[in-house]
Amino acid sequence: MRVQRHLGGDPQDFSNLRYDFTALPEFHRAVLHAALAVKAGHTTTYGAIAAAPGQPPGASRAVGTALGANPWPLLIP
């Protein structure tokens, strides 16, 4: 139901769902957790997401790689 509302143009927050991150590398987990903190309708930068788990802004390319491998692209921005 929430996915249908989301696709219908009513942005939804999926951060309260339980995700199984166990198969992902630790850095990818940290990136996805940081991405979950970006609320619907807001934007951020890869550098800011890199900084959330304590990485330098130069890690922004690695953030892009992690987000590109995101197994839940609809639910985690």
N, C-alpha and C. Protein backbone atom coordinates (compact mmCIF):
# COMPACT_ATOMS: atom_id res chain seq x y z
N MET A 1 0.82 -1.18 0.00
CA MET A 1 0.00 0.00 0.00
C MET A 1 0.88 1.26 0.00
N ARG A 2 1.90 1.31 0.87
CA ARG A 2 2.76 2.49 0.91
C ARG A 2 3.54 2.64 -0.38
N VAL A 3 3.95 1.52 -0.97
CA VAL A 3 4.68 1.59 -2.23
C VAL A 3 3.78 2.17 -3.32
N GLN A 4 2.53 1.77 -3.35
CA GLN A 4 1.59 2.31 -4.33
C GLN A 4 1.41 3.81 -4.14
N ARG A 5 1.29 4.27 -2.90
CA ARG A 5 1.16 5.70 -2.63
C ARG A 5 2.43 6.43 -3.08
N HIS A 6 3.57 5.82 -2.79
CA HIS A 6 4.85 6.42 -3.17
C HIS A 6 4.93 6.57 -4.70
N LEU A 7 4.60 5.51 -5.41
CA LEU A 7 4.63 5.55 -6.87
C LEU A 7 3.57 6.49 -7.44
N GLY A 8 2.51 6.72 -6.67
CA GLY A 8 1.46 7.63 -7.09
C GLY A 8 1.77 9.09 -6.84
N GLY A 9 2.95 9.37 -6.30
CA GLY A 9 3.35 10.76 -6.09
C GLY A 9 3.27 11.26 -4.67
N ASP A 10 2.90 10.39 -3.72
CA ASP A 10 2.84 10.75 -2.31
C ASP A 10 4.09 10.17 -1.64
N PRO A 11 5.17 10.95 -1.51
CA PRO A 11 6.43 10.41 -0.97
C PRO A 11 6.24 9.74 0.39
N GLN A 12 6.81 8.56 0.52
CA GLN A 12 6.70 7.77 1.75
C GLN A 12 8.08 7.61 2.38
N ASP A 13 8.09 7.40 3.68
CA ASP A 13 9.32 7.16 4.42
C ASP A 13 9.40 5.66 4.72
N PHE A 14 10.40 5.00 4.17
CA PHE A 14 10.56 3.56 4.35
C PHE A 14 11.68 3.23 5.34
N SER A 15 12.10 4.22 6.12
CA SER A 15 13.22 4.00 7.04
C SER A 15 12.86 3.10 8.22
N ASN A 16 11.57 2.90 8.47
CA ASN A 16 11.18 2.05 9.61
C ASN A 16 11.04 0.58 9.24
N LEU A 17 11.32 0.23 8.00
CA LEU A 17 11.26 -1.18 7.60
C LEU A 17 12.52 -1.90 8.06
N ARG A 18 12.41 -3.19 8.20
CA ARG A 18 13.57 -4.00 8.60
C ARG A 18 14.25 -4.49 7.33
N TYR A 19 15.49 -4.09 7.16
CA TYR A 19 16.29 -4.50 6.01
C TYR A 19 17.35 -5.49 6.48
N ASP A 20 17.61 -6.49 5.65
CA ASP A 20 18.66 -7.46 5.96
C ASP A 20 19.93 -7.03 5.24
N PHE A 21 20.81 -6.36 5.98
CA PHE A 21 22.05 -5.85 5.43
C PHE A 21 23.20 -6.85 5.56
N THR A 22 22.96 -8.04 6.07
CA THR A 22 24.05 -8.96 6.42
C THR A 22 24.90 -9.37 5.23
N ALA A 23 24.35 -9.41 4.03
CA ALA A 23 25.12 -9.84 2.87
C ALA A 23 25.93 -8.70 2.24
N LEU A 24 25.78 -7.49 2.76
CA LEU A 24 26.45 -6.32 2.19
C LEU A 24 27.74 -6.01 2.93
N PRO A 25 28.72 -5.47 2.21
CA PRO A 25 29.94 -5.02 2.89
C PRO A 25 29.62 -3.91 3.90
N GLU A 26 30.45 -3.78 4.91
CA GLU A 26 30.19 -2.82 5.99
C GLU A 26 30.03 -1.39 5.47
N PHE A 27 30.88 -0.98 4.54
CA PHE A 27 30.77 0.38 4.00
C PHE A 27 29.43 0.59 3.31
N HIS A 28 28.97 -0.40 2.55
CA HIS A 28 27.68 -0.30 1.88
C HIS A 28 26.55 -0.17 2.90
N ARG A 29 26.64 -0.93 3.97
CA ARG A 29 25.63 -0.83 5.04
C ARG A 29 25.58 0.58 5.60
N ALA A 30 26.75 1.15 5.88
CA ALA A 30 26.82 2.50 6.44
C ALA A 30 26.23 3.52 5.47
N VAL A 31 26.52 3.36 4.20
CA VAL A 31 25.99 4.27 3.18
C VAL A 31 24.47 4.16 3.12
N LEU A 32 23.95 2.96 3.12
CA LEU A 32 22.50 2.79 3.04
C LEU A 32 21.81 3.31 4.30
N HIS A 33 22.41 3.14 5.45
CA HIS A 33 21.84 3.72 6.67
C HIS A 33 21.81 5.24 6.57
N ALA A 34 22.88 5.83 6.05
CA ALA A 34 22.92 7.29 5.88
C ALA A 34 21.88 7.73 4.85
N ALA A 35 21.70 6.97 3.79
CA ALA A 35 20.70 7.31 2.78
C ALA A 35 19.29 7.23 3.36
N LEU A 36 19.06 6.29 4.27
CA LEU A 36 17.75 6.19 4.91
C LEU A 36 17.43 7.43 5.75
N ALA A 37 18.45 8.14 6.18
CA ALA A 37 18.22 9.34 6.98
C ALA A 37 17.78 10.53 6.12
N VAL A 38 17.93 10.42 4.80
CA VAL A 38 17.47 11.47 3.89
C VAL A 38 15.98 11.28 3.70
N LYS A 39 15.22 12.21 4.19
CA LYS A 39 13.76 12.08 4.14
C LYS A 39 13.22 12.39 2.75
N ALA A 40 12.08 11.82 2.43
CA ALA A 40 11.44 12.03 1.14
C ALA A 40 11.27 13.52 0.87
N GLY A 41 11.62 13.93 -0.34
CA GLY A 41 11.51 15.32 -0.72
C GLY A 41 12.75 16.15 -0.43
N HIS A 42 13.74 15.55 0.22
CA HIS A 42 14.99 16.23 0.53
C HIS A 42 16.11 15.64 -0.31
N THR A 43 17.17 16.39 -0.46
CA THR A 43 18.33 15.92 -1.21
C THR A 43 19.58 16.09 -0.36
N THR A 44 20.62 15.43 -0.79
CA THR A 44 21.92 15.56 -0.15
C THR A 44 22.98 15.27 -1.20
N THR A 45 24.22 15.26 -0.80
CA THR A 45 25.31 14.97 -1.73
C THR A 45 25.98 13.66 -1.35
N TYR A 46 26.70 13.09 -2.29
CA TYR A 46 27.46 11.88 -1.98
C TYR A 46 28.50 12.18 -0.92
N GLY A 47 29.08 13.39 -0.95
CA GLY A 47 30.06 13.78 0.06
C GLY A 47 29.46 13.81 1.45
N ALA A 48 28.23 14.31 1.57
CA ALA A 48 27.56 14.34 2.87
C ALA A 48 27.24 12.94 3.36
N ILE A 49 26.85 12.06 2.45
CA ILE A 49 26.58 10.68 2.84
C ILE A 49 27.88 10.00 3.26
N ALA A 50 28.97 10.31 2.56
CA ALA A 50 30.27 9.74 2.94
C ALA A 50 30.66 10.20 4.34
N ALA A 51 30.37 11.44 4.66
CA ALA A 51 30.75 11.99 5.97
C ALA A 51 29.95 11.36 7.11
N ALA A 52 28.73 10.93 6.84
CA ALA A 52 27.88 10.36 7.90
C ALA A 52 28.54 9.16 8.58
N PRO A 53 29.11 8.20 7.84
CA PRO A 53 29.78 7.09 8.55
C PRO A 53 31.25 7.40 8.87
N GLY A 54 31.63 8.69 8.77
CA GLY A 54 32.98 9.07 9.16
C GLY A 54 34.02 8.98 8.07
N GLN A 55 33.61 8.88 6.83
CA GLN A 55 34.55 8.82 5.71
C GLN A 55 34.84 10.24 5.23
N PRO A 56 35.98 10.46 4.59
CA PRO A 56 36.27 11.78 4.04
C PRO A 56 35.38 12.07 2.83
N PRO A 57 35.15 13.36 2.51
CA PRO A 57 34.32 13.69 1.34
C PRO A 57 34.83 13.04 0.06
N GLY A 58 36.13 12.76 -0.01
CA GLY A 58 36.69 12.09 -1.18
C GLY A 58 36.14 10.69 -1.41
N ALA A 59 35.45 10.16 -0.42
CA ALA A 59 34.86 8.83 -0.56
C ALA A 59 33.54 8.87 -1.32
N SER A 60 33.23 10.04 -1.89
CA SER A 60 31.94 10.18 -2.57
C SER A 60 31.80 9.22 -3.75
N ARG A 61 32.89 8.90 -4.42
CA ARG A 61 32.81 7.94 -5.53
C ARG A 61 32.44 6.55 -5.00
N ALA A 62 32.99 6.20 -3.86
CA ALA A 62 32.65 4.91 -3.24
C ALA A 62 31.18 4.90 -2.81
N VAL A 63 30.67 6.06 -2.37
CA VAL A 63 29.24 6.17 -2.03
C VAL A 63 28.41 5.91 -3.27
N GLY A 64 28.80 6.49 -4.39
CA GLY A 64 28.08 6.25 -5.64
C GLY A 64 28.07 4.78 -6.02
N THR A 65 29.19 4.10 -5.81
CA THR A 65 29.26 2.67 -6.09
C THR A 65 28.32 1.90 -5.17
N ALA A 66 28.33 2.25 -3.88
CA ALA A 66 27.47 1.56 -2.92
C ALA A 66 26.00 1.79 -3.25
N LEU A 67 25.64 3.01 -3.60
CA LEU A 67 24.24 3.29 -3.94
C LEU A 67 23.86 2.63 -5.26
N GLY A 68 24.82 2.50 -6.16
CA GLY A 68 24.55 1.81 -7.42
C GLY A 68 24.28 0.32 -7.22
N ALA A 69 24.80 -0.23 -6.13
CA ALA A 69 24.57 -1.64 -5.81
C ALA A 69 23.42 -1.83 -4.82
N ASN A 70 22.70 -0.76 -4.52
CA ASN A 70 21.60 -0.78 -3.57
C ASN A 70 20.55 -1.83 -3.99
N PRO A 71 20.29 -2.85 -3.16
CA PRO A 71 19.30 -3.86 -3.53
C PRO A 71 17.85 -3.39 -3.34
N TRP A 72 17.64 -2.22 -2.75
CA TRP A 72 16.28 -1.68 -2.53
C TRP A 72 16.17 -0.26 -3.05
N PRO A 73 16.40 -0.02 -4.35
CA PRO A 73 16.45 1.36 -4.85
C PRO A 73 15.15 2.14 -4.69
N LEU A 74 14.03 1.49 -4.68
CA LEU A 74 12.77 2.20 -4.49
C LEU A 74 12.58 2.61 -3.03
N LEU A 75 13.04 1.78 -2.11
CA LEU A 75 12.80 2.02 -0.70
C LEU A 75 13.89 2.85 -0.04
N ILE A 76 15.12 2.70 -0.50
CA ILE A 76 16.25 3.48 0.02
C ILE A 76 16.73 4.35 -1.12
N PRO A 77 16.63 5.67 -0.97
CA PRO A 77 16.93 6.57 -2.11
C PRO A 77 18.37 6.48 -2.58
